[in-house]
Amino acid sequence: QVQVAESGGGLVQPGGSLRLSCAASGTIARNQAIFMGWHRQAPGKQRELVATITSGGTTNYADSIKGRFTVSRDNAKNTMYLQMTSLKPEDTAVYYCNALIRDRLYWGQGTQVTVSS
């Protein structure tokens, strides 16, 4: 059984930083998870794509977070990260990650990020 889970969310003041993690666990070998990227969903809004990372390491970002967020991964640990800096109240949302594992797409349950003073 395989699962993907996010962690690292929380309450942070505007201008602060957080690092989210997305870990694949279960019956999975090292380097077997192909992490796709991060999405977020704010209250009353549709889920939006935040950042993607290809198997070759190429990254892409939504314009709203470009220059503030960085996506990376550690294949040996089957883990992906989202480093978020200069956080704004409009970054408040539930953040989700996804990964392709043995040809099946897995989503995590999400982690809440709240940016407020």
N, C-alpha and C. Protein backbone atom coordinates (compact mmCIF):
# COMPACT_ATOMS: atom_id res chain seq x y z
N GLN A 1 0.85 -1.19 0.00
CA GLN A 1 0.00 0.00 0.00
C GLN A 1 0.88 1.23 0.00
N VAL A 2 0.49 2.22 -0.79
CA VAL A 2 1.28 3.43 -0.93
C VAL A 2 0.45 4.63 -0.51
N GLN A 3 1.08 5.59 0.12
CA GLN A 3 0.39 6.83 0.41
C GLN A 3 1.35 8.00 0.29
N VAL A 4 0.75 9.14 0.03
CA VAL A 4 1.49 10.39 -0.08
C VAL A 4 0.92 11.34 0.97
N ALA A 5 1.79 11.98 1.72
CA ALA A 5 1.32 12.85 2.79
C ALA A 5 2.13 14.12 2.87
N GLU A 6 1.42 15.24 3.04
CA GLU A 6 2.06 16.53 3.23
C GLU A 6 2.24 16.83 4.72
N SER A 7 3.22 17.65 5.03
CA SER A 7 3.43 18.13 6.39
C SER A 7 4.15 19.47 6.33
N GLY A 8 4.16 20.16 7.46
CA GLY A 8 4.89 21.42 7.55
C GLY A 8 4.05 22.66 7.51
N GLY A 9 2.75 22.52 7.35
CA GLY A 9 1.90 23.69 7.33
C GLY A 9 1.75 24.29 8.72
N GLY A 10 1.10 25.44 8.79
CA GLY A 10 0.89 26.09 10.06
C GLY A 10 0.51 27.54 9.90
N LEU A 11 0.57 28.26 11.01
CA LEU A 11 0.26 29.69 11.04
C LEU A 11 1.56 30.48 11.02
N VAL A 12 1.64 31.44 10.11
CA VAL A 12 2.85 32.24 9.99
C VAL A 12 2.45 33.69 9.72
N GLN A 13 3.26 34.61 10.18
CA GLN A 13 2.98 36.02 9.95
C GLN A 13 3.36 36.43 8.53
N PRO A 14 2.74 37.45 8.00
CA PRO A 14 3.14 37.96 6.67
C PRO A 14 4.63 38.26 6.64
N GLY A 15 5.26 37.85 5.56
CA GLY A 15 6.70 38.01 5.42
C GLY A 15 7.49 36.83 5.92
N GLY A 16 6.83 35.90 6.58
CA GLY A 16 7.51 34.74 7.14
C GLY A 16 7.74 33.64 6.12
N SER A 17 8.27 32.52 6.61
CA SER A 17 8.63 31.40 5.76
C SER A 17 8.12 30.09 6.34
N LEU A 18 7.89 29.15 5.46
CA LEU A 18 7.54 27.79 5.85
C LEU A 18 8.14 26.84 4.82
N ARG A 19 8.42 25.61 5.25
CA ARG A 19 8.83 24.59 4.30
C ARG A 19 7.87 23.41 4.42
N LEU A 20 7.20 23.12 3.32
CA LEU A 20 6.31 21.98 3.27
C LEU A 20 7.06 20.76 2.74
N SER A 21 6.67 19.60 3.25
CA SER A 21 7.23 18.34 2.76
C SER A 21 6.12 17.47 2.22
N CYS A 22 6.46 16.65 1.24
CA CYS A 22 5.53 15.69 0.66
C CYS A 22 6.28 14.37 0.59
N ALA A 23 5.85 13.41 1.40
CA ALA A 23 6.58 12.15 1.48
C ALA A 23 5.71 11.00 0.98
N ALA A 24 6.32 10.16 0.18
CA ALA A 24 5.67 8.93 -0.27
C ALA A 24 6.15 7.78 0.61
N SER A 25 5.23 6.98 1.09
CA SER A 25 5.59 5.89 1.99
C SER A 25 4.79 4.63 1.65
N GLY A 26 5.16 3.54 2.30
CA GLY A 26 4.50 2.26 2.05
C GLY A 26 5.41 1.34 1.26
N THR A 27 4.79 0.49 0.47
CA THR A 27 5.56 -0.48 -0.30
C THR A 27 6.10 0.18 -1.56
N ILE A 28 7.15 0.95 -1.34
CA ILE A 28 7.73 1.73 -2.42
C ILE A 28 9.23 1.74 -2.26
N ALA A 29 9.92 1.55 -3.36
CA ALA A 29 11.37 1.52 -3.31
C ALA A 29 11.91 2.94 -3.41
N ARG A 30 13.18 3.07 -3.07
CA ARG A 30 13.83 4.37 -3.21
C ARG A 30 13.78 4.81 -4.67
N ASN A 31 13.61 6.11 -4.86
CA ASN A 31 13.57 6.72 -6.19
C ASN A 31 12.36 6.28 -7.03
N GLN A 32 11.39 5.62 -6.44
CA GLN A 32 10.28 5.12 -7.22
C GLN A 32 9.16 6.15 -7.41
N ALA A 33 9.08 7.13 -6.54
CA ALA A 33 8.03 8.14 -6.65
C ALA A 33 8.47 9.23 -7.63
N ILE A 34 7.62 9.54 -8.58
CA ILE A 34 7.88 10.63 -9.51
C ILE A 34 6.99 11.79 -9.07
N PHE A 35 7.58 12.71 -8.34
CA PHE A 35 6.79 13.82 -7.82
C PHE A 35 6.43 14.79 -8.93
N MET A 36 5.19 15.24 -8.89
CA MET A 36 4.68 16.08 -9.95
C MET A 36 4.68 17.56 -9.57
N GLY A 37 4.16 17.85 -8.36
CA GLY A 37 4.13 19.25 -7.98
C GLY A 37 3.19 19.53 -6.84
N TRP A 38 2.97 20.80 -6.64
CA TRP A 38 2.14 21.33 -5.56
C TRP A 38 0.97 22.12 -6.12
N HIS A 39 -0.17 21.96 -5.47
CA HIS A 39 -1.37 22.74 -5.76
C HIS A 39 -1.84 23.34 -4.45
N ARG A 40 -2.75 24.29 -4.54
CA ARG A 40 -3.37 24.84 -3.34
C ARG A 40 -4.80 25.22 -3.61
N GLN A 41 -5.58 25.24 -2.54
CA GLN A 41 -6.98 25.64 -2.66
C GLN A 41 -7.33 26.54 -1.49
N ALA A 42 -7.68 27.77 -1.82
CA ALA A 42 -8.10 28.74 -0.82
C ALA A 42 -9.60 28.62 -0.63
N PRO A 43 -10.12 29.08 0.52
CA PRO A 43 -11.56 29.00 0.78
C PRO A 43 -12.36 29.68 -0.32
N GLY A 44 -13.35 28.97 -0.84
CA GLY A 44 -14.21 29.55 -1.85
C GLY A 44 -13.62 29.65 -3.23
N LYS A 45 -12.43 29.09 -3.41
CA LYS A 45 -11.77 29.17 -4.72
C LYS A 45 -11.45 27.77 -5.24
N GLN A 46 -11.18 27.72 -6.54
CA GLN A 46 -10.80 26.44 -7.14
C GLN A 46 -9.35 26.10 -6.82
N ARG A 47 -9.03 24.83 -6.87
CA ARG A 47 -7.66 24.39 -6.67
C ARG A 47 -6.80 24.92 -7.81
N GLU A 48 -5.64 25.45 -7.47
CA GLU A 48 -4.76 26.00 -8.49
C GLU A 48 -3.37 25.38 -8.40
N LEU A 49 -2.72 25.32 -9.53
CA LEU A 49 -1.36 24.80 -9.59
C LEU A 49 -0.39 25.85 -9.07
N VAL A 50 0.50 25.41 -8.18
CA VAL A 50 1.48 26.32 -7.59
C VAL A 50 2.85 26.13 -8.23
N ALA A 51 3.30 24.87 -8.28
CA ALA A 51 4.64 24.60 -8.80
C ALA A 51 4.71 23.16 -9.30
N THR A 52 5.52 22.95 -10.31
CA THR A 52 5.74 21.59 -10.82
C THR A 52 7.23 21.32 -10.92
N ILE A 53 7.57 20.04 -10.87
CA ILE A 53 8.96 19.62 -11.06
C ILE A 53 8.95 18.35 -11.89
N THR A 54 9.73 18.34 -12.96
CA THR A 54 9.76 17.17 -13.83
C THR A 54 10.77 16.15 -13.33
N SER A 55 10.74 14.99 -13.94
CA SER A 55 11.69 13.94 -13.55
C SER A 55 13.12 14.39 -13.83
N GLY A 56 13.29 15.32 -14.75
CA GLY A 56 14.62 15.83 -15.03
C GLY A 56 15.02 16.99 -14.15
N GLY A 57 14.09 17.42 -13.27
CA GLY A 57 14.41 18.50 -12.34
C GLY A 57 14.00 19.89 -12.80
N THR A 58 13.38 19.98 -13.97
CA THR A 58 12.92 21.29 -14.44
C THR A 58 11.72 21.74 -13.61
N THR A 59 11.74 22.98 -13.18
CA THR A 59 10.67 23.51 -12.34
C THR A 59 9.90 24.61 -13.06
N ASN A 60 8.63 24.74 -12.70
CA ASN A 60 7.79 25.82 -13.19
C ASN A 60 6.92 26.30 -12.05
N TYR A 61 6.61 27.60 -12.09
CA TYR A 61 5.88 28.21 -10.99
C TYR A 61 4.74 29.08 -11.50
N ALA A 62 3.69 29.15 -10.69
CA ALA A 62 2.63 30.10 -10.98
C ALA A 62 3.18 31.51 -10.81
N ASP A 63 2.67 32.43 -11.61
CA ASP A 63 3.17 33.81 -11.55
C ASP A 63 3.01 34.41 -10.15
N SER A 64 1.96 34.02 -9.46
CA SER A 64 1.66 34.62 -8.15
C SER A 64 2.70 34.29 -7.09
N ILE A 65 3.47 33.25 -7.29
CA ILE A 65 4.45 32.84 -6.27
C ILE A 65 5.88 32.82 -6.81
N LYS A 66 6.06 33.16 -8.05
CA LYS A 66 7.38 33.12 -8.67
C LYS A 66 8.34 34.04 -7.93
N GLY A 67 9.51 33.52 -7.63
CA GLY A 67 10.51 34.28 -6.91
C GLY A 67 10.40 34.17 -5.40
N ARG A 68 9.30 33.60 -4.92
CA ARG A 68 9.10 33.45 -3.46
C ARG A 68 9.10 31.99 -3.02
N PHE A 69 8.64 31.11 -3.89
CA PHE A 69 8.56 29.68 -3.56
C PHE A 69 9.58 28.90 -4.38
N THR A 70 10.09 27.82 -3.80
CA THR A 70 11.03 26.95 -4.51
C THR A 70 10.64 25.49 -4.27
N VAL A 71 10.47 24.75 -5.36
CA VAL A 71 10.16 23.33 -5.25
C VAL A 71 11.44 22.52 -5.48
N SER A 72 11.60 21.48 -4.70
CA SER A 72 12.77 20.60 -4.84
C SER A 72 12.37 19.20 -4.40
N ARG A 73 13.26 18.26 -4.59
CA ARG A 73 12.94 16.90 -4.17
C ARG A 73 14.23 16.16 -3.83
N ASP A 74 14.04 15.10 -3.01
CA ASP A 74 15.11 14.19 -2.66
C ASP A 74 14.63 12.80 -3.07
N ASN A 75 15.05 12.36 -4.24
CA ASN A 75 14.53 11.11 -4.78
C ASN A 75 14.84 9.92 -3.88
N ALA A 76 16.02 9.92 -3.27
CA ALA A 76 16.41 8.79 -2.42
C ALA A 76 15.47 8.66 -1.22
N LYS A 77 14.92 9.78 -0.79
CA LYS A 77 14.00 9.77 0.36
C LYS A 77 12.54 9.76 -0.08
N ASN A 78 12.30 9.74 -1.40
CA ASN A 78 10.92 9.79 -1.91
C ASN A 78 10.17 10.97 -1.30
N THR A 79 10.81 12.13 -1.28
CA THR A 79 10.24 13.31 -0.65
C THR A 79 10.42 14.53 -1.55
N MET A 80 9.41 15.36 -1.56
CA MET A 80 9.44 16.63 -2.29
C MET A 80 9.19 17.77 -1.30
N TYR A 81 9.74 18.93 -1.61
CA TYR A 81 9.62 20.06 -0.69
C TYR A 81 9.09 21.28 -1.42
N LEU A 82 8.50 22.17 -0.64
CA LEU A 82 8.12 23.49 -1.15
C LEU A 82 8.58 24.50 -0.12
N GLN A 83 9.65 25.22 -0.44
CA GLN A 83 10.14 26.27 0.43
C GLN A 83 9.40 27.55 0.08
N MET A 84 8.72 28.12 1.06
CA MET A 84 7.91 29.31 0.83
C MET A 84 8.48 30.46 1.65
N THR A 85 8.78 31.56 1.01
CA THR A 85 9.30 32.74 1.69
C THR A 85 8.43 33.94 1.34
N SER A 86 8.62 35.02 2.08
CA SER A 86 7.87 36.26 1.85
C SER A 86 6.38 35.98 1.73
N LEU A 87 5.87 35.20 2.65
CA LEU A 87 4.48 34.78 2.58
C LEU A 87 3.53 35.96 2.74
N LYS A 88 2.41 35.87 2.01
CA LYS A 88 1.39 36.90 2.02
C LYS A 88 0.07 36.30 2.49
N PRO A 89 -0.83 37.15 2.98
CA PRO A 89 -2.14 36.62 3.40
C PRO A 89 -2.85 35.85 2.27
N GLU A 90 -2.65 36.27 1.04
CA GLU A 90 -3.31 35.58 -0.07
C GLU A 90 -2.70 34.21 -0.37
N ASP A 91 -1.63 33.84 0.31
CA ASP A 91 -1.08 32.50 0.19
C ASP A 91 -1.81 31.52 1.09
N THR A 92 -2.71 32.02 1.92
CA THR A 92 -3.48 31.15 2.80
C THR A 92 -4.30 30.17 2.00
N ALA A 93 -4.11 28.89 2.28
CA ALA A 93 -4.79 27.84 1.52
C ALA A 93 -4.41 26.48 2.10
N VAL A 94 -5.11 25.46 1.63
CA VAL A 94 -4.67 24.09 1.87
C VAL A 94 -3.77 23.71 0.70
N TYR A 95 -2.60 23.21 1.02
CA TYR A 95 -1.61 22.86 0.00
C TYR A 95 -1.57 21.34 -0.17
N TYR A 96 -1.62 20.93 -1.43
CA TYR A 96 -1.63 19.51 -1.78
C TYR A 96 -0.44 19.19 -2.67
N CYS A 97 0.06 17.97 -2.53
CA CYS A 97 1.09 17.51 -3.45
C CYS A 97 0.58 16.25 -4.15
N ASN A 98 1.23 15.92 -5.27
CA ASN A 98 0.89 14.68 -5.94
C ASN A 98 2.15 14.01 -6.49
N ALA A 99 2.01 12.71 -6.71
CA ALA A 99 3.16 11.94 -7.19
C ALA A 99 2.66 10.76 -8.02
N LEU A 100 3.44 10.42 -9.04
CA LEU A 100 3.15 9.27 -9.88
C LEU A 100 4.00 8.10 -9.38
N ILE A 101 3.32 7.05 -8.96
CA ILE A 101 4.02 5.88 -8.41
C ILE A 101 3.49 4.64 -9.09
N ARG A 102 4.36 3.99 -9.80
CA ARG A 102 3.98 2.77 -10.55
C ARG A 102 2.73 3.04 -11.41
N ASP A 103 2.79 4.14 -12.15
CA ASP A 103 1.76 4.51 -13.13
C ASP A 103 0.43 4.91 -12.52
N ARG A 104 0.42 5.18 -11.23
CA ARG A 104 -0.82 5.64 -10.59
C ARG A 104 -0.53 6.98 -9.92
N LEU A 105 -1.46 7.93 -10.07
CA LEU A 105 -1.30 9.26 -9.49
C LEU A 105 -1.89 9.29 -8.08
N TYR A 106 -1.06 9.68 -7.13
CA TYR A 106 -1.49 9.78 -5.74
C TYR A 106 -1.51 11.24 -5.31
N TRP A 107 -2.52 11.59 -4.49
CA TRP A 107 -2.63 12.91 -3.88
C TRP A 107 -2.55 12.77 -2.38
N GLY A 108 -1.95 13.77 -1.75
CA GLY A 108 -1.98 13.81 -0.30
C GLY A 108 -3.28 14.40 0.20
N GLN A 109 -3.44 14.41 1.53
CA GLN A 109 -4.67 14.92 2.15
C GLN A 109 -4.64 16.44 2.29
N GLY A 110 -3.47 17.03 2.13
CA GLY A 110 -3.36 18.48 2.23
C GLY A 110 -2.85 18.93 3.59
N THR A 111 -2.20 20.08 3.58
CA THR A 111 -1.74 20.71 4.82
C THR A 111 -2.11 22.18 4.80
N GLN A 112 -2.67 22.67 5.90
CA GLN A 112 -3.18 24.04 5.96
C GLN A 112 -2.03 25.03 6.18
N VAL A 113 -1.99 26.06 5.37
CA VAL A 113 -1.08 27.18 5.56
C VAL A 113 -1.92 28.43 5.76
N THR A 114 -1.71 29.10 6.88
CA THR A 114 -2.43 30.32 7.19
C THR A 114 -1.43 31.44 7.41
N VAL A 115 -1.57 32.51 6.65
CA VAL A 115 -0.69 33.66 6.76
C VAL A 115 -1.51 34.81 7.32
N SER A 116 -1.21 35.16 8.55
CA SER A 116 -2.01 36.18 9.23
C SER A 116 -1.20 36.79 10.37
N SER A 117 -1.47 38.07 10.62
CA SER A 117 -0.83 38.72 11.76
C SER A 117 -1.72 38.64 13.00
